[in-house]
Amino acid sequence: MKRICCVFGFAPEYRRGIYQLMDNDSEMEFDFYLGNTSYGGIKLMNVKDMKHFRCALKNRYTNNGRKLVWQGGWSKVFSKKYDAYILTGNPGIRTNWFITMIAKLLRRPVFLWSHGIYGYEQGLQLKKNMAYFKFAGHILTYGEYGRKMLIHNGYKPDNVDVIWNSLDYDSMIQMRDKEIDRTMMRYYFGNDDPVMIFIGRLTKNKNLEMLVETIARLNHQNINCNLMIIGDGELMSTLVEKVRANDIEDRVWFYGESYDNQFISIALRNSALCVSPGNVGLTSIHAMTFGVPVITHDREELQMPEFEAIIPNQTGDLFQYGNVDDLVKKCSIWLKKMTSDEAATIRNECMKIIDSRFNPHVQLRLIKKSLTKVLG
């Protein structure tokens, strides 16, 4: 049995599905060395139940705690003999360079679990990132766009494989298959109008002022709809004030932060559309798992990889970046779709792309395929 050493920045709760599958795999043994702290309020999973959790690395951050640069105790990853190493593919983690160097001296392949290249990198940053990627030798990307950009910048196509991304799919499927009370939104809003939903941190890069503007315009155009926002962050007071200024307080529900997956699943299943005017990440996977189409912007280089789950006119749509008029137009079109006979077909298409691609079972199969290609 091949033994694989996994050295990751930390263990976020949203990685539970894939980490548990790797931990329990019967064909390869994955050992985990995980950072002890996260950043930006990201919730950590409980790693004590993992059979192959070997060591907690002491994370050191800069940039007000947002940039991971060092993992104390990193040398412990060489206390056992491994056939390959999988690292968080962040060139800014300086200990990754040392681990990669030693692994190469030991003639052990290194795989970087990475976004790859976004497309906005330039100059020294691009050269540094590409130097590290080429030095490591193998990359596992979250999407086709990251792979395309790596190849565009001179990376060997055979050395980069797409493994997609996932959430805790199995538990979500159990929730999806349960009967639920579909009157939650009616009780809160006092109407049966369709609901748009946003889930995530209320930060500037999410462009949430555009979302408030959109819900206001739609209702002022007699396209009656509601908005639910699950999350908290620096923009909360700004958004509340903008809702008040637009006189749509009865149309917007600021629920606040929640990690209650049962509640979020019910909220999604009571929603018609998920909208993220800024970049969209795993929120798109979360929404589509429950059959909710997603709308976000069209600038690939500013997006998170999970936006690739959005197939225009099938599982959601892309509006012109920064154009609130186009966002209003797209939301209007999709609200009509989701209150018509098309809704059932759209929801099935959303669930189908998650069931066939963006789940931990597919992800693990592709990780093992890439490892086997190199290790034999």
Protein backbone atom coordinates (compact mmCIF):
# COMPACT_ATOMS: atom_id res chain seq x y z
CA MET A 1 0.00 0.00 0.00
CA LYS A 2 1.33 3.43 -0.98
CA ARG A 3 1.80 5.86 1.90
CA ILE A 4 1.09 9.51 1.17
CA CYS A 5 2.09 12.42 3.39
CA CYS A 6 -0.41 15.29 3.36
CA VAL A 7 0.85 18.64 4.67
CA PHE A 8 -1.95 21.21 4.67
CA GLY A 9 -2.32 24.76 5.94
CA PHE A 10 -5.12 23.73 8.29
CA ALA A 11 -8.25 21.55 8.33
CA PRO A 12 -11.32 23.69 7.60
CA GLU A 13 -14.73 22.26 8.43
CA TYR A 14 -15.72 22.43 4.76
CA ARG A 15 -12.97 19.90 3.94
CA ARG A 16 -14.50 17.29 6.24
CA GLY A 17 -15.94 15.19 3.42
CA ILE A 18 -12.76 14.71 1.41
CA TYR A 19 -10.43 14.41 4.43
CA GLN A 20 -12.59 11.70 5.99
CA LEU A 21 -12.67 9.72 2.74
CA MET A 22 -8.88 9.98 2.44
CA ASP A 23 -8.47 9.02 6.10
CA ASN A 24 -10.55 5.86 5.60
CA ASP A 25 -9.28 4.84 2.16
CA SER A 26 -8.43 1.16 1.83
CA GLU A 27 -6.11 1.43 -1.20
CA MET A 28 -3.74 4.20 -0.12
CA GLU A 29 -2.71 5.40 3.32
CA PHE A 30 -2.95 9.17 3.70
CA ASP A 31 -1.21 10.65 6.76
CA PHE A 32 -2.15 14.20 7.78
CA TYR A 33 0.07 16.98 9.14
CA LEU A 34 -2.23 19.97 9.65
CA GLY A 35 -1.82 23.58 10.71
CA ASN A 36 -3.23 24.36 14.15
CA THR A 37 -4.98 27.66 13.35
CA SER A 38 -7.05 29.15 10.52
CA TYR A 39 -7.63 32.74 9.41
CA GLY A 40 -10.58 34.97 8.61
CA GLY A 41 -12.91 33.16 11.00
CA ILE A 42 -12.82 29.88 9.03
CA LYS A 43 -14.12 27.11 11.26
CA LEU A 44 -11.77 24.17 11.86
CA MET A 45 -12.89 20.56 11.81
CA ASN A 46 -12.22 18.26 14.75
CA VAL A 47 -9.18 16.23 13.70
CA LYS A 48 -9.00 14.09 16.84
CA ASP A 49 -11.26 11.47 15.28
CA MET A 50 -8.99 11.05 12.24
CA LYS A 51 -7.11 7.74 12.29
CA HIS A 52 -4.17 9.13 10.34
CA PHE A 53 -3.78 12.56 11.91
CA ARG A 54 -0.09 12.63 12.81
CA CYS A 55 0.84 16.12 13.94
CA ALA A 56 -0.42 19.68 14.44
CA LEU A 57 1.91 22.23 12.85
CA LYS A 58 2.23 25.65 14.46
CA ASN A 59 1.04 28.23 11.95
CA ARG A 60 2.59 31.67 11.74
CA TYR A 61 0.78 34.44 9.87
CA THR A 62 1.59 37.93 8.60
CA ASN A 63 -0.59 40.66 7.01
CA ASN A 64 -2.81 40.99 10.09
CA GLY A 65 -3.18 37.25 10.42
CA ARG A 66 -4.32 36.64 6.86
CA LYS A 67 -1.19 35.29 5.16
CA LEU A 68 0.24 31.94 6.26
CA VAL A 69 4.03 32.01 5.88
CA TRP A 70 5.46 29.32 8.21
CA GLN A 71 4.47 26.02 9.83
CA GLY A 72 6.49 25.15 12.89
CA GLY A 73 7.32 21.47 13.30
CA TRP A 74 7.41 20.89 9.54
CA SER A 75 10.46 18.60 9.76
CA LYS A 76 8.29 15.95 11.45
CA VAL A 77 6.84 15.08 8.03
CA PHE A 78 10.11 13.25 7.37
CA SER A 79 9.91 11.11 10.51
CA LYS A 80 8.26 8.36 8.45
CA LYS A 81 8.95 6.99 5.00
CA TYR A 82 6.41 8.13 2.43
CA ASP A 83 5.98 7.38 -1.26
CA ALA A 84 4.76 10.89 -2.11
CA TYR A 85 3.88 14.25 -0.58
CA ILE A 86 0.79 16.37 -1.12
CA LEU A 87 1.18 19.98 0.02
CA THR A 88 -1.06 23.01 0.12
CA GLY A 89 0.02 24.62 -3.15
CA ASN A 90 0.75 28.07 -1.75
CA PRO A 91 4.23 29.35 -2.66
CA GLY A 92 3.92 31.90 0.16
CA ILE A 93 4.22 29.16 2.79
CA ARG A 94 7.99 29.19 3.07
CA THR A 95 8.23 25.82 4.80
CA ASN A 96 6.70 24.27 1.67
CA TRP A 97 9.88 25.14 -0.23
CA PHE A 98 12.00 23.26 2.34
CA ILE A 99 9.67 20.23 2.32
CA THR A 100 9.69 20.16 -1.47
CA MET A 101 13.47 20.41 -1.60
CA ILE A 102 14.04 17.55 0.84
CA ALA A 103 11.39 15.37 -0.81
CA LYS A 104 13.09 15.90 -4.17
CA LEU A 105 16.46 14.93 -2.65
CA LEU A 106 14.78 11.75 -1.34
CA ARG A 107 13.41 11.17 -4.87
CA ARG A 108 9.83 11.39 -3.65
CA PRO A 109 7.29 13.13 -5.92
CA VAL A 110 5.56 16.27 -4.64
CA PHE A 111 1.98 17.19 -5.55
CA LEU A 112 0.61 20.66 -4.91
CA TRP A 113 -3.13 20.92 -4.13
CA SER A 114 -3.61 24.35 -5.60
CA HIS A 115 -5.67 26.98 -7.39
CA GLY A 116 -2.81 27.17 -9.88
CA ILE A 117 -2.67 30.54 -11.63
CA TYR A 118 -5.59 32.97 -11.34
CA GLY A 119 -4.58 35.14 -14.26
CA TYR A 120 -4.00 38.45 -12.48
CA GLU A 121 -0.46 37.59 -11.30
CA GLN A 122 2.30 39.64 -12.89
CA GLY A 123 6.02 40.27 -12.72
CA LEU A 124 7.91 38.87 -9.75
CA GLN A 125 4.83 37.23 -8.21
CA LEU A 126 4.10 35.26 -11.38
CA LYS A 127 7.74 34.24 -11.78
CA LYS A 128 7.97 33.14 -8.14
CA ASN A 129 4.76 31.10 -8.30
CA MET A 130 5.66 29.42 -11.58
CA ALA A 131 9.18 28.65 -10.31
CA TYR A 132 7.73 26.88 -7.29
CA PHE A 133 5.11 24.97 -9.30
CA LYS A 134 7.73 23.75 -11.77
CA PHE A 135 10.12 22.86 -8.95
CA ALA A 136 7.48 20.73 -7.20
CA GLY A 137 6.59 19.01 -10.46
CA HIS A 138 2.93 17.97 -10.08
CA ILE A 139 -0.21 20.02 -9.46
CA LEU A 140 -3.78 19.10 -8.51
CA THR A 141 -6.04 22.01 -9.43
CA TYR A 142 -9.59 22.86 -8.37
CA GLY A 143 -10.71 23.59 -11.91
CA GLU A 144 -10.03 23.73 -15.64
CA TYR A 145 -9.33 27.46 -15.65
CA GLY A 146 -6.40 27.09 -13.23
CA ARG A 147 -5.01 24.26 -15.37
CA LYS A 148 -5.37 26.32 -18.53
CA MET A 149 -3.52 29.26 -17.00
CA LEU A 150 -0.68 27.05 -15.79
CA ILE A 151 -0.22 25.57 -19.25
CA HIS A 152 -0.43 29.07 -20.77
CA ASN A 153 2.50 30.06 -18.55
CA GLY A 154 4.66 27.12 -19.59
CA TYR A 155 3.67 24.30 -17.26
CA LYS A 156 3.72 20.77 -18.70
CA PRO A 157 0.14 19.62 -19.43
CA ASP A 158 0.85 16.04 -18.32
CA ASN A 159 1.89 17.25 -14.86
CA VAL A 160 -1.32 19.05 -13.92
CA ASP A 161 -4.61 17.28 -13.17
CA VAL A 162 -8.01 18.72 -12.28
CA ILE A 163 -9.55 17.24 -9.12
CA TRP A 164 -12.39 19.78 -8.65
CA ASN A 165 -13.60 20.70 -5.15
CA SER A 166 -16.25 19.54 -2.72
CA LEU A 167 -18.07 19.97 0.57
CA ASP A 168 -19.41 17.39 3.04
CA TYR A 169 -21.47 15.83 0.27
CA ASP A 170 -22.69 12.67 2.03
CA SER A 171 -24.28 14.51 4.95
CA MET A 172 -25.79 17.08 2.58
CA ILE A 173 -27.35 14.35 0.46
CA GLN A 174 -29.02 12.94 3.56
CA MET A 175 -30.49 16.39 4.25
CA ARG A 176 -31.49 16.81 0.62
CA ASP A 177 -33.48 13.59 0.66
CA LYS A 178 -35.51 14.52 3.74
CA GLU A 179 -38.92 16.12 3.64
CA ILE A 180 -38.83 19.66 5.00
CA ASP A 181 -41.18 22.44 5.93
CA ARG A 182 -41.25 24.73 2.89
CA THR A 183 -43.07 27.56 4.66
CA MET A 184 -40.09 29.08 6.51
CA MET A 185 -39.75 32.04 4.14
CA ARG A 186 -43.49 32.68 4.14
CA TYR A 187 -43.52 32.91 7.93
CA TYR A 188 -40.64 35.40 7.96
CA PHE A 189 -41.49 37.60 4.96
CA GLY A 190 -45.25 37.27 5.14
CA ASN A 191 -45.56 36.43 1.45
CA ASP A 192 -44.95 33.63 -1.06
CA ASP A 193 -42.63 35.59 -3.35
CA PRO A 194 -39.42 33.88 -4.52
CA VAL A 195 -36.31 34.24 -2.37
CA MET A 196 -32.77 35.01 -3.44
CA ILE A 197 -30.08 33.91 -1.00
CA PHE A 198 -26.46 34.77 -0.26
CA ILE A 199 -24.25 32.73 2.09
CA GLY A 200 -20.80 33.88 3.14
CA ARG A 201 -18.68 36.53 4.82
CA LEU A 202 -19.92 40.08 4.32
CA THR A 203 -16.68 41.45 2.87
CA LYS A 204 -15.85 44.06 0.25
CA ASN A 205 -14.84 41.57 -2.45
CA LYS A 206 -18.37 40.13 -2.41
CA ASN A 207 -19.82 43.40 -3.81
CA LEU A 208 -22.95 42.96 -1.71
CA GLU A 209 -24.08 46.54 -2.14
CA MET A 210 -24.94 45.47 -5.69
CA LEU A 211 -27.14 42.71 -4.31
CA VAL A 212 -29.10 45.13 -2.13
CA GLU A 213 -29.42 47.49 -5.09
CA THR A 214 -30.69 44.59 -7.21
CA ILE A 215 -33.38 43.48 -4.76
CA ALA A 216 -34.51 47.10 -4.42
CA ARG A 217 -34.76 47.63 -8.18
CA LEU A 218 -36.58 44.36 -8.76
CA ASN A 219 -39.25 45.18 -6.21
CA HIS A 220 -39.59 48.75 -7.46
CA GLN A 221 -40.19 47.22 -10.93
CA ASN A 222 -42.96 45.06 -9.41
CA ILE A 223 -40.85 41.93 -9.75
CA ASN A 224 -41.65 40.93 -6.20
CA CYS A 225 -38.96 38.93 -4.42
CA ASN A 226 -37.12 38.61 -1.10
CA LEU A 227 -33.49 38.33 -0.06
CA MET A 228 -31.95 36.25 2.72
CA ILE A 229 -28.34 36.88 3.77
CA ILE A 230 -26.62 34.26 5.92
CA GLY A 231 -23.30 35.57 7.19
CA ASP A 232 -21.60 38.35 9.10
CA GLY A 233 -18.66 40.62 8.52
CA GLU A 234 -17.29 44.11 8.14
CA LEU A 235 -20.04 45.30 5.77
CA MET A 236 -23.03 44.36 7.93
CA SER A 237 -23.82 47.88 9.15
CA THR A 238 -23.31 49.35 5.66
CA LEU A 239 -25.71 46.85 4.13
CA VAL A 240 -28.33 47.33 6.84
CA GLU A 241 -28.22 51.07 6.23
CA LYS A 242 -28.50 50.60 2.45
CA VAL A 243 -31.56 48.38 2.93
CA ARG A 244 -33.13 51.02 5.15
CA ALA A 245 -32.33 53.79 2.65
CA ASN A 246 -34.04 51.82 -0.13
CA ASP A 247 -37.10 51.16 2.03
CA ILE A 248 -36.92 47.39 1.58
CA GLU A 249 -36.51 46.30 5.20
CA ASP A 250 -39.51 43.99 4.85
CA ARG A 251 -37.81 42.30 1.87
CA VAL A 252 -34.38 41.50 3.38
CA TRP A 253 -33.59 39.00 6.14
CA PHE A 254 -30.16 39.47 7.75
CA TYR A 255 -29.95 36.12 9.50
CA GLY A 256 -26.34 36.50 10.63
CA GLU A 257 -23.55 33.94 10.79
CA SER A 258 -24.47 30.26 10.94
CA TYR A 259 -22.60 26.97 10.74
CA ASP A 260 -25.79 24.97 11.27
CA ASN A 261 -25.81 22.82 8.14
CA GLN A 262 -29.33 21.57 8.86
CA PHE A 263 -30.70 25.12 8.96
CA ILE A 264 -28.72 26.23 5.89
CA SER A 265 -30.00 23.24 3.94
CA ILE A 266 -33.59 24.21 4.79
CA ALA A 267 -32.92 27.83 3.83
CA LEU A 268 -31.49 26.76 0.47
CA ARG A 269 -34.36 24.42 -0.28
CA ASN A 270 -36.73 27.31 0.38
CA SER A 271 -34.81 29.58 -2.02
CA ALA A 272 -35.18 30.09 -5.76
CA LEU A 273 -31.78 31.55 -6.57
CA CYS A 274 -28.34 32.05 -5.01
CA VAL A 275 -26.62 35.31 -5.97
CA SER A 276 -23.01 36.32 -5.29
CA PRO A 277 -22.14 39.60 -7.03
CA GLY A 278 -18.46 39.28 -6.09
CA ASN A 279 -16.48 36.09 -6.45
CA VAL A 280 -18.27 32.86 -5.66
CA GLY A 281 -16.51 29.88 -4.17
CA LEU A 282 -17.88 26.85 -2.38
CA THR A 283 -21.19 28.67 -1.94
CA SER A 284 -22.00 27.62 -5.51
CA ILE A 285 -21.37 23.97 -4.63
CA HIS A 286 -23.46 24.30 -1.48
CA ALA A 287 -26.39 25.87 -3.33
CA MET A 288 -26.37 23.49 -6.29
CA THR A 289 -26.22 20.45 -4.02
CA PHE A 290 -29.75 21.45 -3.01
CA GLY A 291 -30.83 22.30 -6.55
CA VAL A 292 -30.44 26.08 -6.36
CA PRO A 293 -28.99 27.83 -9.46
CA VAL A 294 -26.27 30.45 -8.96
CA ILE A 295 -25.56 33.87 -10.46
CA THR A 296 -22.16 35.55 -10.22
CA HIS A 297 -19.89 37.77 -12.33
CA ASP A 298 -18.03 36.83 -15.52
CA ARG A 299 -14.41 37.84 -14.76
CA GLU A 300 -12.63 34.47 -14.64
CA GLU A 301 -9.38 35.85 -13.24
CA LEU A 302 -11.23 37.28 -10.22
CA GLN A 303 -13.32 34.19 -9.56
CA MET A 304 -12.85 31.19 -7.31
CA PRO A 305 -12.56 27.87 -9.15
CA GLU A 306 -16.01 26.64 -8.13
CA PHE A 307 -17.65 29.13 -10.49
CA GLU A 308 -17.03 26.48 -13.17
CA ALA A 309 -20.07 24.63 -11.84
CA ILE A 310 -22.16 27.42 -13.35
CA ILE A 311 -23.25 26.53 -16.86
CA PRO A 312 -25.06 29.58 -18.31
CA ASN A 313 -28.73 28.91 -19.04
CA GLN A 314 -28.47 25.54 -17.29
CA THR A 315 -27.25 25.77 -13.68
CA GLY A 316 -27.15 29.54 -13.35
CA ASP A 317 -25.71 32.56 -15.10
CA LEU A 318 -22.85 35.07 -15.31
CA PHE A 319 -23.49 38.81 -15.39
CA GLN A 320 -21.12 41.48 -16.65
CA TYR A 321 -18.67 42.32 -13.88
CA GLY A 322 -19.63 45.46 -11.98
CA ASN A 323 -22.76 46.06 -14.07
CA VAL A 324 -25.75 46.26 -11.74
CA ASP A 325 -28.13 46.71 -14.69
CA ASP A 326 -27.05 43.35 -16.09
CA LEU A 327 -27.30 41.73 -12.66
CA VAL A 328 -30.87 42.98 -12.30
CA LYS A 329 -31.68 41.66 -15.77
CA LYS A 330 -30.18 38.21 -15.09
CA CYS A 331 -31.93 37.90 -11.71
CA SER A 332 -35.25 38.91 -13.28
CA ILE A 333 -34.89 36.22 -15.95
CA TRP A 334 -33.98 33.52 -13.45
CA LEU A 335 -36.67 34.41 -10.94
CA LYS A 336 -39.19 33.90 -13.73
CA LYS A 337 -37.58 30.57 -14.65
CA MET A 338 -37.67 29.37 -11.05
CA THR A 339 -41.37 30.18 -10.71
CA SER A 340 -42.29 28.37 -13.93
CA ASP A 341 -42.46 24.81 -15.21
CA GLU A 342 -38.69 25.00 -15.89
CA ALA A 343 -37.84 25.00 -12.20
CA ALA A 344 -37.82 21.23 -11.67
CA THR A 345 -35.53 20.67 -14.67
CA ILE A 346 -33.14 23.41 -13.52
CA ARG A 347 -32.96 22.02 -10.00
CA ASN A 348 -32.18 18.55 -11.38
CA GLU A 349 -29.40 19.97 -13.58
CA CYS A 350 -27.85 21.71 -10.58
CA MET A 351 -27.88 18.55 -8.49
CA LYS A 352 -26.59 16.47 -11.39
CA ILE A 353 -23.39 18.49 -11.82
CA ILE A 354 -22.63 18.11 -8.11
CA ASP A 355 -23.42 14.40 -8.12
CA SER A 356 -21.19 13.81 -11.16
CA ARG A 357 -18.27 16.14 -10.46
CA PHE A 358 -18.14 18.38 -7.38
CA ASN A 359 -18.17 15.82 -4.57
CA PRO A 360 -15.47 14.14 -2.44
CA HIS A 361 -15.94 10.69 -4.01
CA VAL A 362 -15.01 12.03 -7.44
CA GLN A 363 -12.29 14.17 -5.89
CA LEU A 364 -10.61 11.23 -4.14
CA ARG A 365 -10.82 9.07 -7.27
CA LEU A 366 -9.04 11.78 -9.27
CA ILE A 367 -6.40 12.35 -6.57
CA LYS A 368 -5.59 8.64 -6.51
CA LYS A 369 -5.55 8.49 -10.31
CA SER A 370 -2.99 11.29 -10.42
CA LEU A 371 -0.85 9.65 -7.73
CA THR A 372 -1.00 6.28 -9.46
CA LYS A 373 0.03 7.83 -12.76
CA VAL A 374 3.31 8.89 -11.14
CA LEU A 375 3.88 6.15 -8.55
CA GLY A 376 2.67 3.23 -10.63
